[in-house]
Amino acid sequence: QADAVMIGDTTHDADTARAMGADCILYSGGHCGRD
């Protein structure tokens, strides 16, 4: 899914984007901290 972008707020969202072959933008105002 190289043309997809996942917007998420967890490290699991990042893992899911990688599994899909998608890009990802993470939002620090949700479930996981910025670091």
PDB file of all heavy atoms in Angstrom:
ATOM      1  N   GLN A   1       0.828  -1.201   0.000  1.00  0.00           N
ATOM      2  CA  GLN A   1       0.000   0.000   0.000  1.00  0.00           C
ATOM      3  C   GLN A   1       0.866   1.257   0.000  1.00  0.00           C
ATOM      4  O   GLN A   1       0.711   2.146   0.835  1.00  0.00           O
ATOM      5  CB  GLN A   1      -0.926  -0.021   1.216  1.00  0.00           C
ATOM      6  CG  GLN A   1      -1.911  -1.150   1.206  1.00  0.00           C
ATOM      7  CD  GLN A   1      -2.825  -1.084  -0.002  1.00  0.00           C
ATOM      8  OE1 GLN A   1      -3.401  -0.041  -0.302  1.00  0.00           O
ATOM      9  NE2 GLN A   1      -2.949  -2.186  -0.705  1.00  0.00           N
ATOM     10  N   ALA A   2       1.774   1.343  -0.965  1.00  0.00           N
ATOM     11  CA  ALA A   2       2.718   2.456  -1.013  1.00  0.00           C
ATOM     12  C   ALA A   2       2.024   3.810  -1.181  1.00  0.00           C
ATOM     13  O   ALA A   2       2.594   4.840  -0.830  1.00  0.00           O
ATOM     14  CB  ALA A   2       3.723   2.239  -2.141  1.00  0.00           C
ATOM     15  N   ASP A   3       0.787   3.816  -1.683  1.00  0.00           N
ATOM     16  CA  ASP A   3       0.083   5.087  -1.858  1.00  0.00           C
ATOM     17  C   ASP A   3      -0.800   5.436  -0.657  1.00  0.00           C
ATOM     18  O   ASP A   3      -1.488   6.448  -0.665  1.00  0.00           O
ATOM     19  CB  ASP A   3      -0.751   5.061  -3.132  1.00  0.00           C
ATOM     20  CG  ASP A   3      -1.801   3.957  -3.127  1.00  0.00           C
ATOM     21  OD1 ASP A   3      -1.675   2.998  -2.332  1.00  0.00           O
ATOM     22  OD2 ASP A   3      -2.760   4.045  -3.915  1.00  0.00           O
ATOM     23  N   ALA A   4      -0.769   4.618   0.385  1.00  0.00           N
ATOM     24  CA  ALA A   4      -1.589   4.857   1.573  1.00  0.00           C
ATOM     25  C   ALA A   4      -0.762   5.498   2.682  1.00  0.00           C
ATOM     26  O   ALA A   4       0.446   5.294   2.775  1.00  0.00           O
ATOM     27  CB  ALA A   4      -2.178   3.542   2.076  1.00  0.00           C
ATOM     28  N   VAL A   5      -1.444   6.292   3.496  1.00  0.00           N
ATOM     29  CA  VAL A   5      -0.826   6.889   4.680  1.00  0.00           C
ATOM     30  C   VAL A   5      -1.716   6.566   5.874  1.00  0.00           C
ATOM     31  O   VAL A   5      -2.908   6.886   5.864  1.00  0.00           O
ATOM     32  CB  VAL A   5      -0.686   8.429   4.553  1.00  0.00           C
ATOM     33  CG1 VAL A   5      -0.110   9.019   5.838  1.00  0.00           C
ATOM     34  CG2 VAL A   5       0.171   8.798   3.361  1.00  0.00           C
ATOM     35  N   MET A   6      -1.140   5.929   6.869  1.00  0.00           N
ATOM     36  CA  MET A   6      -1.878   5.670   8.096  1.00  0.00           C
ATOM     37  C   MET A   6      -1.579   6.793   9.073  1.00  0.00           C
ATOM     38  O   MET A   6      -0.415   7.150   9.272  1.00  0.00           O
ATOM     39  CB  MET A   6      -1.462   4.331   8.706  1.00  0.00           C
ATOM     40  CG  MET A   6      -2.134   4.067  10.040  1.00  0.00           C
ATOM     41  SD  MET A   6      -1.730   2.459  10.706  1.00  0.00           S
ATOM     42  CE  MET A   6      -3.015   1.501   9.958  1.00  0.00           C
ATOM     43  N   ILE A   7      -2.616   7.352   9.648  1.00  0.00           N
ATOM     44  CA  ILE A   7      -2.456   8.324  10.732  1.00  0.00           C
ATOM     45  C   ILE A   7      -2.827   7.579  12.002  1.00  0.00           C
ATOM     46  O   ILE A   7      -3.946   7.079  12.130  1.00  0.00           O
ATOM     47  CB  ILE A   7      -3.359   9.553  10.537  1.00  0.00           C
ATOM     48  CG1 ILE A   7      -3.038  10.258   9.217  1.00  0.00           C
ATOM     49  CG2 ILE A   7      -3.206  10.508  11.721  1.00  0.00           C
ATOM     50  CD1 ILE A   7      -4.030  11.333   8.829  1.00  0.00           C
ATOM     51  N   GLY A   8      -1.885   7.482  12.917  1.00  0.00           N
ATOM     52  CA  GLY A   8      -2.137   6.724  14.130  1.00  0.00           C
ATOM     53  C   GLY A   8      -1.541   7.382  15.352  1.00  0.00           C
ATOM     54  O   GLY A   8      -0.848   8.398  15.255  1.00  0.00           O
ATOM     55  N   ASP A   9      -1.820   6.778  16.494  1.00  0.00           N
ATOM     56  CA  ASP A   9      -1.302   7.337  17.740  1.00  0.00           C
ATOM     57  C   ASP A   9      -0.648   6.284  18.627  1.00  0.00           C
ATOM     58  O   ASP A   9      -0.460   6.519  19.813  1.00  0.00           O
ATOM     59  CB  ASP A   9      -2.410   8.078  18.500  1.00  0.00           C
ATOM     60  CG  ASP A   9      -3.546   7.175  18.949  1.00  0.00           C
ATOM     61  OD1 ASP A   9      -3.565   5.990  18.584  1.00  0.00           O
ATOM     62  OD2 ASP A   9      -4.418   7.667  19.681  1.00  0.00           O
ATOM     63  N   THR A  10      -0.292   5.140  18.043  1.00  0.00           N
ATOM     64  CA  THR A  10       0.362   4.080  18.814  1.00  0.00           C
ATOM     65  C   THR A  10       1.525   3.481  18.029  1.00  0.00           C
ATOM     66  O   THR A  10       1.574   3.588  16.790  1.00  0.00           O
ATOM     67  CB  THR A  10      -0.608   2.935  19.166  1.00  0.00           C
ATOM     68  OG1 THR A  10      -0.975   2.246  17.950  1.00  0.00           O
ATOM     69  CG2 THR A  10      -1.854   3.441  19.878  1.00  0.00           C
ATOM     70  N   THR A  11       2.399   2.834  18.749  1.00  0.00           N
ATOM     71  CA  THR A  11       3.488   2.109  18.088  1.00  0.00           C
ATOM     72  C   THR A  11       2.916   0.958  17.268  1.00  0.00           C
ATOM     73  O   THR A  11       3.482   0.591  16.234  1.00  0.00           O
ATOM     74  CB  THR A  11       4.509   1.594  19.116  1.00  0.00           C
ATOM     75  OG1 THR A  11       3.847   0.747  20.062  1.00  0.00           O
ATOM     76  CG2 THR A  11       5.179   2.752  19.857  1.00  0.00           C
ATOM     77  N   HIS A  12       1.791   0.417  17.706  1.00  0.00           N
ATOM     78  CA  HIS A  12       1.142  -0.655  16.945  1.00  0.00           C
ATOM     79  C   HIS A  12       0.648  -0.143  15.589  1.00  0.00           C
ATOM     80  O   HIS A  12       0.666  -0.866  14.598  1.00  0.00           O
ATOM     81  CB  HIS A  12      -0.005  -1.258  17.755  1.00  0.00           C
ATOM     82  CG  HIS A  12      -0.638  -2.443  17.107  1.00  0.00           C
ATOM     83  ND1 HIS A  12       0.087  -3.555  16.714  1.00  0.00           N
ATOM     84  CD2 HIS A  12      -1.920  -2.689  16.775  1.00  0.00           C
ATOM     85  CE1 HIS A  12      -0.731  -4.433  16.166  1.00  0.00           C
ATOM     86  NE2 HIS A  12      -1.949  -3.927  16.188  1.00  0.00           N
ATOM     87  N   ASP A  13       0.213   1.123  15.535  1.00  0.00           N
ATOM     88  CA  ASP A  13      -0.178   1.707  14.252  1.00  0.00           C
ATOM     89  C   ASP A  13       1.021   1.748  13.301  1.00  0.00           C
ATOM     90  O   ASP A  13       0.884   1.472  12.108  1.00  0.00           O
ATOM     91  CB  ASP A  13      -0.747   3.111  14.443  1.00  0.00           C
ATOM     92  CG  ASP A  13      -2.093   3.091  15.137  1.00  0.00           C
ATOM     93  OD1 ASP A  13      -2.873   2.136  14.932  1.00  0.00           O
ATOM     94  OD2 ASP A  13      -2.370   4.035  15.901  1.00  0.00           O
ATOM     95  N   ALA A  14       2.190   2.086  13.828  1.00  0.00           N
ATOM     96  CA  ALA A  14       3.401   2.092  13.010  1.00  0.00           C
ATOM     97  C   ALA A  14       3.701   0.688  12.499  1.00  0.00           C
ATOM     98  O   ALA A  14       4.032   0.503  11.319  1.00  0.00           O
ATOM     99  CB  ALA A  14       4.580   2.638  13.810  1.00  0.00           C
ATOM    100  N   ASP A  15       3.576  -0.302  13.367  1.00  0.00           N
ATOM    101  CA  ASP A  15       3.806  -1.693  12.957  1.00  0.00           C
ATOM    102  C   ASP A  15       2.802  -2.123  11.894  1.00  0.00           C
ATOM    103  O   ASP A  15       3.157  -2.828  10.940  1.00  0.00           O
ATOM    104  CB  ASP A  15       3.696  -2.631  14.160  1.00  0.00           C
ATOM    105  CG  ASP A  15       4.786  -2.410  15.196  1.00  0.00           C
ATOM    106  OD1 ASP A  15       5.845  -1.839  14.844  1.00  0.00           O
ATOM    107  OD2 ASP A  15       4.573  -2.807  16.362  1.00  0.00           O
ATOM    108  N   THR A  16       1.562  -1.707  12.061  1.00  0.00           N
ATOM    109  CA  THR A  16       0.517  -2.059  11.099  1.00  0.00           C
ATOM    110  C   THR A  16       0.804  -1.410   9.749  1.00  0.00           C
ATOM    111  O   THR A  16       0.673  -2.056   8.699  1.00  0.00           O
ATOM    112  CB  THR A  16      -0.866  -1.633  11.632  1.00  0.00           C
ATOM    113  OG1 THR A  16      -1.111  -2.316  12.863  1.00  0.00           O
ATOM    114  CG2 THR A  16      -1.966  -1.953  10.643  1.00  0.00           C
ATOM    115  N   ALA A  17       1.204  -0.150   9.742  1.00  0.00           N
ATOM    116  CA  ALA A  17       1.546   0.523   8.490  1.00  0.00           C
ATOM    117  C   ALA A  17       2.688  -0.210   7.787  1.00  0.00           C
ATOM    118  O   ALA A  17       2.638  -0.430   6.572  1.00  0.00           O
ATOM    119  CB  ALA A  17       1.931   1.976   8.760  1.00  0.00           C
ATOM    120  N   ARG A  18       3.705  -0.588   8.547  1.00  0.00           N
ATOM    121  CA  ARG A  18       4.822  -1.341   7.947  1.00  0.00           C
ATOM    122  C   ARG A  18       4.341  -2.658   7.342  1.00  0.00           C
ATOM    123  O   ARG A  18       4.762  -3.042   6.252  1.00  0.00           O
ATOM    124  CB  ARG A  18       5.894  -1.616   8.999  1.00  0.00           C
ATOM    125  CG  ARG A  18       6.866  -0.510   9.157  1.00  0.00           C
ATOM    126  CD  ARG A  18       8.115  -0.928   9.943  1.00  0.00           C
ATOM    127  NE  ARG A  18       8.826   0.262  10.289  1.00  0.00           N
ATOM    128  CZ  ARG A  18       8.610   0.996  11.382  1.00  0.00           C
ATOM    129  NH1 ARG A  18       7.710   0.620  12.255  1.00  0.00           N
ATOM    130  NH2 ARG A  18       9.298   2.091  11.594  1.00  0.00           N
ATOM    131  N   ALA A  19       3.472  -3.355   8.059  1.00  0.00           N
ATOM    132  CA  ALA A  19       2.955  -4.630   7.561  1.00  0.00           C
ATOM    133  C   ALA A  19       2.187  -4.456   6.260  1.00  0.00           C
ATOM    134  O   ALA A  19       2.168  -5.351   5.413  1.00  0.00           O
ATOM    135  CB  ALA A  19       2.065  -5.291   8.618  1.00  0.00           C
ATOM    136  N   MET A  20       1.556  -3.295   6.083  1.00  0.00           N
ATOM    137  CA  MET A  20       0.794  -2.995   4.873  1.00  0.00           C
ATOM    138  C   MET A  20       1.655  -2.391   3.773  1.00  0.00           C
ATOM    139  O   MET A  20       1.185  -2.194   2.663  1.00  0.00           O
ATOM    140  CB  MET A  20      -0.322  -1.985   5.193  1.00  0.00           C
ATOM    141  CG  MET A  20      -1.401  -2.503   6.082  1.00  0.00           C
ATOM    142  SD  MET A  20      -2.536  -1.187   6.619  1.00  0.00           S
ATOM    143  CE  MET A  20      -2.855  -0.271   5.139  1.00  0.00           C
ATOM    144  N   GLY A  21       2.891  -2.033   4.098  1.00  0.00           N
ATOM    145  CA  GLY A  21       3.721  -1.340   3.126  1.00  0.00           C
ATOM    146  C   GLY A  21       3.276   0.095   2.932  1.00  0.00           C
ATOM    147  O   GLY A  21       3.521   0.702   1.886  1.00  0.00           O
ATOM    148  N   ALA A  22       2.612   0.662   3.941  1.00  0.00           N
ATOM    149  CA  ALA A  22       2.098   2.030   3.857  1.00  0.00           C
ATOM    150  C   ALA A  22       3.003   2.989   4.606  1.00  0.00           C
ATOM    151  O   ALA A  22       3.779   2.589   5.470  1.00  0.00           O
ATOM    152  CB  ALA A  22       0.682   2.093   4.453  1.00  0.00           C
ATOM    153  N   ASP A  23       2.878   4.257   4.290  1.00  0.00           N
ATOM    154  CA  ASP A  23       3.546   5.297   5.061  1.00  0.00           C
ATOM    155  C   ASP A  23       2.727   5.527   6.321  1.00  0.00           C
ATOM    156  O   ASP A  23       1.603   5.036   6.454  1.00  0.00           O
ATOM    157  CB  ASP A  23       3.649   6.573   4.226  1.00  0.00           C
ATOM    158  CG  ASP A  23       4.778   7.474   4.682  1.00  0.00           C
ATOM    159  OD1 ASP A  23       5.392   7.195   5.731  1.00  0.00           O
ATOM    160  OD2 ASP A  23       5.040   8.476   3.999  1.00  0.00           O
ATOM    161  N   CYS A  24       3.285   6.295   7.248  1.00  0.00           N
ATOM    162  CA  CYS A  24       2.597   6.510   8.514  1.00  0.00           C
ATOM    163  C   CYS A  24       2.978   7.862   9.086  1.00  0.00           C
ATOM    164  O   CYS A  24       4.122   8.304   8.958  1.00  0.00           O
ATOM    165  CB  CYS A  24       2.993   5.394   9.493  1.00  0.00           C
ATOM    166  SG  CYS A  24       2.105   5.410  11.053  1.00  0.00           S
ATOM    167  N   ILE A  25       2.006   8.520   9.696  1.00  0.00           N
ATOM    168  CA  ILE A  25       2.234   9.735  10.474  1.00  0.00           C
ATOM    169  C   ILE A  25       1.649   9.458  11.849  1.00  0.00           C
ATOM    170  O   ILE A  25       0.506   8.999  11.968  1.00  0.00           O
ATOM    171  CB  ILE A  25       1.545  10.960   9.838  1.00  0.00           C
ATOM    172  CG1 ILE A  25       2.032  11.177   8.407  1.00  0.00           C
ATOM    173  CG2 ILE A  25       1.786  12.204  10.691  1.00  0.00           C
ATOM    174  CD1 ILE A  25       1.208  12.198   7.625  1.00  0.00           C
ATOM    175  N   LEU A  26       2.427   9.717  12.868  1.00  0.00           N
ATOM    176  CA  LEU A  26       1.996   9.418  14.230  1.00  0.00           C
ATOM    177  C   LEU A  26       1.665  10.705  14.981  1.00  0.00           C
ATOM    178  O   LEU A  26       2.388  11.695  14.878  1.00  0.00           O
ATOM    179  CB  LEU A  26       3.076   8.616  14.949  1.00  0.00           C
ATOM    180  CG  LEU A  26       3.353   7.258  14.303  1.00  0.00           C
ATOM    181  CD1 LEU A  26       4.626   6.640  14.853  1.00  0.00           C
ATOM    182  CD2 LEU A  26       2.160   6.326  14.498  1.00  0.00           C
ATOM    183  N   TYR A  27       0.573  10.670  15.729  1.00  0.00           N
ATOM    184  CA  TYR A  27       0.057  11.819  16.471  1.00  0.00           C
ATOM    185  C   TYR A  27       0.331  11.612  17.958  1.00  0.00           C
ATOM    186  O   TYR A  27      -0.118  10.625  18.548  1.00  0.00           O
ATOM    187  CB  TYR A  27      -1.437  11.949  16.189  1.00  0.00           C
ATOM    188  CG  TYR A  27      -2.169  12.917  17.072  1.00  0.00           C
ATOM    189  CD1 TYR A  27      -1.812  14.264  17.114  1.00  0.00           C
ATOM    190  CD2 TYR A  27      -3.235  12.497  17.854  1.00  0.00           C
ATOM    191  CE1 TYR A  27      -2.499  15.157  17.919  1.00  0.00           C
ATOM    192  CE2 TYR A  27      -3.933  13.386  18.656  1.00  0.00           C
ATOM    193  CZ  TYR A  27      -3.554  14.709  18.689  1.00  0.00           C
ATOM    194  OH  TYR A  27      -4.235  15.589  19.482  1.00  0.00           O
ATOM    195  N   SER A  28       1.066  12.549  18.549  1.00  0.00           N
ATOM    196  CA  SER A  28       1.500  12.397  19.942  1.00  0.00           C
ATOM    197  C   SER A  28       0.421  12.731  20.966  1.00  0.00           C
ATOM    198  O   SER A  28       0.647  12.573  22.166  1.00  0.00           O
ATOM    199  CB  SER A  28       2.726  13.274  20.205  1.00  0.00           C
ATOM    200  OG  SER A  28       2.383  14.651  20.118  1.00  0.00           O
ATOM    201  N   GLY A  29      -0.747  13.147  20.533  1.00  0.00           N
ATOM    202  CA  GLY A  29      -1.815  13.520  21.459  1.00  0.00           C
ATOM    203  C   GLY A  29      -2.754  12.386  21.796  1.00  0.00           C
ATOM    204  O   GLY A  29      -3.848  12.622  22.307  1.00  0.00           O
ATOM    205  N   GLY A  30      -2.339  11.154  21.544  1.00  0.00           N
ATOM    206  CA  GLY A  30      -3.232  10.018  21.772  1.00  0.00           C
ATOM    207  C   GLY A  30      -2.698   9.042  22.794  1.00  0.00           C
ATOM    208  O   GLY A  30      -2.275   9.433  23.881  1.00  0.00           O
ATOM    209  N   HIS A  31      -2.666   7.774  22.418  1.00  0.00           N
ATOM    210  CA  HIS A  31      -2.375   6.690  23.355  1.00  0.00           C
ATOM    211  C   HIS A  31      -0.914   6.538  23.751  1.00  0.00           C
ATOM    212  O   HIS A  31      -0.627   6.049  24.842  1.00  0.00           O
ATOM    213  CB  HIS A  31      -2.873   5.356  22.792  1.00  0.00           C
ATOM    214  CG  HIS A  31      -4.356   5.243  22.778  1.00  0.00           C
ATOM    215  ND1 HIS A  31      -5.101   5.124  23.920  1.00  0.00           N
ATOM    216  CD2 HIS A  31      -5.242   5.243  21.760  1.00  0.00           C
ATOM    217  CE1 HIS A  31      -6.371   5.050  23.620  1.00  0.00           C
ATOM    218  NE2 HIS A  31      -6.490   5.133  22.306  1.00  0.00           N
ATOM    219  N   CYS A  32       0.016   6.900  22.905  1.00  0.00           N
ATOM    220  CA  CYS A  32       1.442   6.715  23.215  1.00  0.00           C
ATOM    221  C   CYS A  32       2.148   8.068  23.291  1.00  0.00           C
ATOM    222  O   CYS A  32       1.785   9.007  22.575  1.00  0.00           O
ATOM    223  CB  CYS A  32       2.126   5.863  22.144  1.00  0.00           C
ATOM    224  SG  CYS A  32       1.657   4.132  22.177  1.00  0.00           S
ATOM    225  N   GLY A  33       3.161   8.123  24.112  1.00  0.00           N
ATOM    226  CA  GLY A  33       3.937   9.344  24.252  1.00  0.00           C
ATOM    227  C   GLY A  33       4.831   9.606  23.059  1.00  0.00           C
ATOM    228  O   GLY A  33       5.140   8.716  22.269  1.00  0.00           O
ATOM    229  N   ARG A  34       5.253  10.836  22.937  1.00  0.00           N
ATOM    230  CA  ARG A  34       6.075  11.293  21.810  1.00  0.00           C
ATOM    231  C   ARG A  34       7.357  10.479  21.659  1.00  0.00           C
ATOM    232  O   ARG A  34       7.720  10.088  20.546  1.00  0.00           O
ATOM    233  CB  ARG A  34       6.380  12.782  21.991  1.00  0.00           C
ATOM    234  CG  ARG A  34       7.189  13.375  20.866  1.00  0.00           C
ATOM    235  CD  ARG A  34       7.350  14.889  21.046  1.00  0.00           C
ATOM    236  NE  ARG A  34       8.102  15.452  19.960  1.00  0.00           N
ATOM    237  CZ  ARG A  34       7.672  15.603  18.702  1.00  0.00           C
ATOM    238  NH1 ARG A  34       6.463  15.208  18.386  1.00  0.00           N
ATOM    239  NH2 ARG A  34       8.442  16.132  17.780  1.00  0.00           N
ATOM    240  N   ASP A  35       8.070  10.213  22.754  1.00  0.00           N
ATOM    241  CA  ASP A  35       9.340   9.493  22.661  1.00  0.00           C
ATOM    242  C   ASP A  35       9.151   8.090  22.094  1.00  0.00           C
ATOM    243  O   ASP A  35       9.938   7.645  21.254  1.00  0.00           O
ATOM    244  CB  ASP A  35      10.031   9.426  24.022  1.00  0.00           C
ATOM    245  CG  ASP A  35      10.557  10.784  24.471  1.00  0.00           C
ATOM    246  OD1 ASP A  35      10.708  11.686  23.607  1.00  0.00           O
ATOM    247  OD2 ASP A  35      10.805  10.944  25.678  1.00  0.00           O
TER     248      ASP A  35
END
